[in-house]
Amino acid sequence: MNRVFILFAVGLCFAVGQALQCYKCSIGFGDLCITSKTTCNEGEHCFSGTGKAAGFLDIKMKGCLETAKCNKTEDVNFPSSSSNTTLYKMTKMCCNSDLCNAAPGLPGVSVLSLTLAAISTVFAANVLV
């Protein structure tokens, strides 16, 4: 029984200790946002950003973001940040599990990955015992 617990603990560490994977979309318009996968650096979370360009065009972004910049709305000005001409306004909402920024409100991604890790560990323990 001790072996099963040790294998479960090791499997859980591998599941939790991996670098965070997120979807990345540099810019999307309306419902179109072509994504790829990216790996975040330490101190970053996945984000999904929604906003308005020129006051009427819906835009989207996805990727990795520093934790301090999460869940905030920012104005991006043109030609510089000191200008009063807002190019677009973007709200970036963060999450911290693999590929959690696939769609707004996608629940259970982190629970699913931990469940799969636990099942895999139990299966491996049964094979080794």
C-alpha atoms as a PDB file:
ATOM      1  CA  MET A   1       0.000   0.000   0.000  1.00  0.00           C
ATOM      2  CA  ASN A   2       2.935   2.317   0.705  1.00  0.00           C
ATOM      3  CA  ARG A   3       4.181   1.856  -2.872  1.00  0.00           C
ATOM      4  CA  VAL A   4       0.821   2.926  -4.266  1.00  0.00           C
ATOM      5  CA  PHE A   5       0.861   6.100  -2.155  1.00  0.00           C
ATOM      6  CA  ILE A   6       4.431   6.952  -3.183  1.00  0.00           C
ATOM      7  CA  LEU A   7       3.651   6.426  -6.876  1.00  0.00           C
ATOM      8  CA  PHE A   8       0.516   8.548  -6.543  1.00  0.00           C
ATOM      9  CA  ALA A   9       2.519  11.361  -4.889  1.00  0.00           C
ATOM     10  CA  VAL A  10       5.198  11.241  -7.599  1.00  0.00           C
ATOM     11  CA  GLY A  11       2.558  11.285 -10.355  1.00  0.00           C
ATOM     12  CA  LEU A  12       0.829  14.252  -8.744  1.00  0.00           C
ATOM     13  CA  CYS A  13       4.118  16.177  -8.590  1.00  0.00           C
ATOM     14  CA  PHE A  14       4.663  15.633 -12.314  1.00  0.00           C
ATOM     15  CA  ALA A  15       1.119  16.805 -13.095  1.00  0.00           C
ATOM     16  CA  VAL A  16       1.424  19.969 -10.975  1.00  0.00           C
ATOM     17  CA  GLY A  17       5.087  20.804 -11.698  1.00  0.00           C
ATOM     18  CA  GLN A  18       4.855  21.101 -15.491  1.00  0.00           C
ATOM     19  CA  ALA A  19       5.125  24.415 -17.317  1.00  0.00           C
ATOM     20  CA  LEU A  20       1.749  25.958 -18.096  1.00  0.00           C
ATOM     21  CA  GLN A  21       0.489  25.444 -21.658  1.00  0.00           C
ATOM     22  CA  CYS A  22      -1.853  28.060 -23.140  1.00  0.00           C
ATOM     23  CA  TYR A  23      -3.500  28.899 -26.418  1.00  0.00           C
ATOM     24  CA  LYS A  24      -2.005  31.917 -28.189  1.00  0.00           C
ATOM     25  CA  CYS A  25      -3.708  34.270 -30.612  1.00  0.00           C
ATOM     26  CA  SER A  26      -1.922  37.545 -31.327  1.00  0.00           C
ATOM     27  CA  ILE A  27      -5.077  39.275 -32.586  1.00  0.00           C
ATOM     28  CA  GLY A  28      -8.520  38.114 -33.617  1.00  0.00           C
ATOM     29  CA  PHE A  29     -11.548  39.939 -34.966  1.00  0.00           C
ATOM     30  CA  GLY A  30     -15.160  39.088 -34.133  1.00  0.00           C
ATOM     31  CA  ASP A  31     -15.342  35.327 -33.504  1.00  0.00           C
ATOM     32  CA  LEU A  32     -12.165  34.560 -35.495  1.00  0.00           C
ATOM     33  CA  CYS A  33      -9.004  34.030 -33.455  1.00  0.00           C
ATOM     34  CA  ILE A  34      -6.503  31.589 -34.999  1.00  0.00           C
ATOM     35  CA  THR A  35      -4.648  29.882 -32.160  1.00  0.00           C
ATOM     36  CA  SER A  36      -1.478  27.911 -31.573  1.00  0.00           C
ATOM     37  CA  LYS A  37      -0.112  26.455 -28.337  1.00  0.00           C
ATOM     38  CA  THR A  38       2.568  28.165 -26.273  1.00  0.00           C
ATOM     39  CA  THR A  39       4.390  27.514 -23.000  1.00  0.00           C
ATOM     40  CA  CYS A  40       4.335  30.235 -20.358  1.00  0.00           C
ATOM     41  CA  ASN A  41       7.298  31.442 -18.358  1.00  0.00           C
ATOM     42  CA  GLU A  42       7.399  31.262 -14.586  1.00  0.00           C
ATOM     43  CA  GLY A  43       5.088  33.858 -13.040  1.00  0.00           C
ATOM     44  CA  GLU A  44       2.681  33.887 -15.988  1.00  0.00           C
ATOM     45  CA  HIS A  45      -0.889  32.640 -16.403  1.00  0.00           C
ATOM     46  CA  CYS A  46      -3.017  31.961 -19.477  1.00  0.00           C
ATOM     47  CA  PHE A  47      -5.275  34.831 -20.502  1.00  0.00           C
ATOM     48  CA  SER A  48      -8.185  35.530 -22.796  1.00  0.00           C
ATOM     49  CA  GLY A  49      -8.583  39.139 -23.798  1.00  0.00           C
ATOM     50  CA  THR A  50     -11.625  40.812 -25.284  1.00  0.00           C
ATOM     51  CA  GLY A  51     -11.969  44.396 -26.307  1.00  0.00           C
ATOM     52  CA  LYS A  52     -13.002  47.049 -28.797  1.00  0.00           C
ATOM     53  CA  ALA A  53     -10.858  48.716 -31.424  1.00  0.00           C
ATOM     54  CA  ALA A  54     -11.820  52.183 -32.588  1.00  0.00           C
ATOM     55  CA  GLY A  55     -14.860  51.928 -30.320  1.00  0.00           C
ATOM     56  CA  PHE A  56     -16.802  49.416 -32.443  1.00  0.00           C
ATOM     57  CA  LEU A  57     -14.689  46.471 -33.745  1.00  0.00           C
ATOM     58  CA  ASP A  58     -14.633  43.394 -31.451  1.00  0.00           C
ATOM     59  CA  ILE A  59     -11.088  42.081 -30.979  1.00  0.00           C
ATOM     60  CA  LYS A  60      -9.636  39.116 -29.096  1.00  0.00           C
ATOM     61  CA  MET A  61      -6.241  37.965 -27.847  1.00  0.00           C
ATOM     62  CA  LYS A  62      -4.987  34.860 -26.041  1.00  0.00           C
ATOM     63  CA  GLY A  63      -1.641  33.864 -24.587  1.00  0.00           C
ATOM     64  CA  CYS A  64       0.530  34.120 -21.481  1.00  0.00           C
ATOM     65  CA  LEU A  65       0.506  37.142 -19.207  1.00  0.00           C
ATOM     66  CA  GLU A  66       2.347  38.238 -16.068  1.00  0.00           C
ATOM     67  CA  THR A  67       0.170  37.592 -13.032  1.00  0.00           C
ATOM     68  CA  ALA A  68       0.266  41.267 -11.996  1.00  0.00           C
ATOM     69  CA  LYS A  69      -1.398  42.274 -15.286  1.00  0.00           C
ATOM     70  CA  CYS A  70      -4.267  39.762 -14.990  1.00  0.00           C
ATOM     71  CA  ASN A  71      -7.940  40.700 -14.741  1.00  0.00           C
ATOM     72  CA  LYS A  72      -7.424  44.306 -15.765  1.00  0.00           C
ATOM     73  CA  THR A  73      -8.561  46.561 -18.590  1.00  0.00           C
ATOM     74  CA  GLU A  74      -5.930  48.563 -20.443  1.00  0.00           C
ATOM     75  CA  ASP A  75      -6.092  51.290 -23.045  1.00  0.00           C
ATOM     76  CA  VAL A  76      -3.594  51.001 -25.895  1.00  0.00           C
ATOM     77  CA  ASN A  77      -2.959  54.441 -27.352  1.00  0.00           C
ATOM     78  CA  PHE A  78      -1.586  55.512 -30.708  1.00  0.00           C
ATOM     79  CA  PRO A  79       1.129  56.642 -31.435  1.00  0.00           C
ATOM     80  CA  SER A  80       2.331  56.312 -27.805  1.00  0.00           C
ATOM     81  CA  SER A  81       1.074  55.528 -24.310  1.00  0.00           C
ATOM     82  CA  SER A  82       1.082  59.257 -23.456  1.00  0.00           C
ATOM     83  CA  SER A  83      -1.267  60.091 -26.351  1.00  0.00           C
ATOM     84  CA  ASN A  84      -4.989  60.634 -25.801  1.00  0.00           C
ATOM     85  CA  THR A  85      -6.004  58.702 -28.950  1.00  0.00           C
ATOM     86  CA  THR A  86      -7.109  55.233 -27.803  1.00  0.00           C
ATOM     87  CA  LEU A  87      -6.411  52.604 -30.458  1.00  0.00           C
ATOM     88  CA  TYR A  88      -8.166  49.830 -28.526  1.00  0.00           C
ATOM     89  CA  LYS A  89      -9.343  48.860 -25.056  1.00  0.00           C
ATOM     90  CA  MET A  90      -8.655  45.278 -23.877  1.00  0.00           C
ATOM     91  CA  THR A  91      -9.756  43.344 -20.773  1.00  0.00           C
ATOM     92  CA  LYS A  92      -7.490  40.365 -20.038  1.00  0.00           C
ATOM     93  CA  MET A  93      -8.916  37.636 -17.801  1.00  0.00           C
ATOM     94  CA  CYS A  94      -6.523  34.953 -16.520  1.00  0.00           C
ATOM     95  CA  CYS A  95      -6.674  31.301 -15.539  1.00  0.00           C
ATOM     96  CA  ASN A  96      -3.929  28.975 -14.333  1.00  0.00           C
ATOM     97  CA  SER A  97      -4.397  25.478 -15.747  1.00  0.00           C
ATOM     98  CA  ASP A  98      -3.244  23.957 -19.028  1.00  0.00           C
ATOM     99  CA  LEU A  99      -5.123  25.287 -22.080  1.00  0.00           C
ATOM    100  CA  CYS A 100      -7.742  26.906 -19.854  1.00  0.00           C
ATOM    101  CA  ASN A 101      -8.040  29.902 -22.200  1.00  0.00           C
ATOM    102  CA  ALA A 102      -9.668  27.852 -24.973  1.00  0.00           C
ATOM    103  CA  ALA A 103     -13.070  29.494 -24.574  1.00  0.00           C
ATOM    104  CA  PRO A 104     -14.743  31.730 -21.994  1.00  0.00           C
ATOM    105  CA  GLY A 105     -16.155  29.795 -19.073  1.00  0.00           C
ATOM    106  CA  LEU A 106     -14.582  26.435 -19.912  1.00  0.00           C
ATOM    107  CA  PRO A 107     -14.759  24.691 -16.509  1.00  0.00           C
ATOM    108  CA  GLY A 108     -12.934  21.686 -15.117  1.00  0.00           C
ATOM    109  CA  VAL A 109      -9.710  21.704 -17.145  1.00  0.00           C
ATOM    110  CA  SER A 110      -7.432  21.555 -14.097  1.00  0.00           C
ATOM    111  CA  VAL A 111      -9.610  18.962 -12.351  1.00  0.00           C
ATOM    112  CA  LEU A 112      -9.538  16.833 -15.490  1.00  0.00           C
ATOM    113  CA  SER A 113      -5.742  16.908 -15.809  1.00  0.00           C
ATOM    114  CA  LEU A 114      -5.257  15.983 -12.136  1.00  0.00           C
ATOM    115  CA  THR A 115      -7.827  13.191 -12.433  1.00  0.00           C
ATOM    116  CA  LEU A 116      -6.047  11.757 -15.466  1.00  0.00           C
ATOM    117  CA  ALA A 117      -2.719  11.925 -13.613  1.00  0.00           C
ATOM    118  CA  ALA A 118      -4.212  10.087 -10.635  1.00  0.00           C
ATOM    119  CA  ILE A 119      -5.762   7.376 -12.825  1.00  0.00           C
ATOM    120  CA  SER A 120      -2.485   6.917 -14.710  1.00  0.00           C
ATOM    121  CA  THR A 121      -0.570   6.598 -11.449  1.00  0.00           C
ATOM    122  CA  VAL A 122      -2.972   4.002 -10.064  1.00  0.00           C
ATOM    123  CA  PHE A 123      -2.756   2.048 -13.311  1.00  0.00           C
ATOM    124  CA  ALA A 124       1.060   2.166 -13.227  1.00  0.00           C
ATOM    125  CA  ALA A 125       1.057   1.076  -9.568  1.00  0.00           C
ATOM    126  CA  ASN A 126      -1.099  -1.958 -10.425  1.00  0.00           C
ATOM    127  CA  VAL A 127       1.281  -2.925 -13.231  1.00  0.00           C
ATOM    128  CA  LEU A 128       4.389  -2.567 -11.035  1.00  0.00           C
ATOM    129  CA  VAL A 129       2.954  -4.430  -8.013  1.00  0.00           C
END
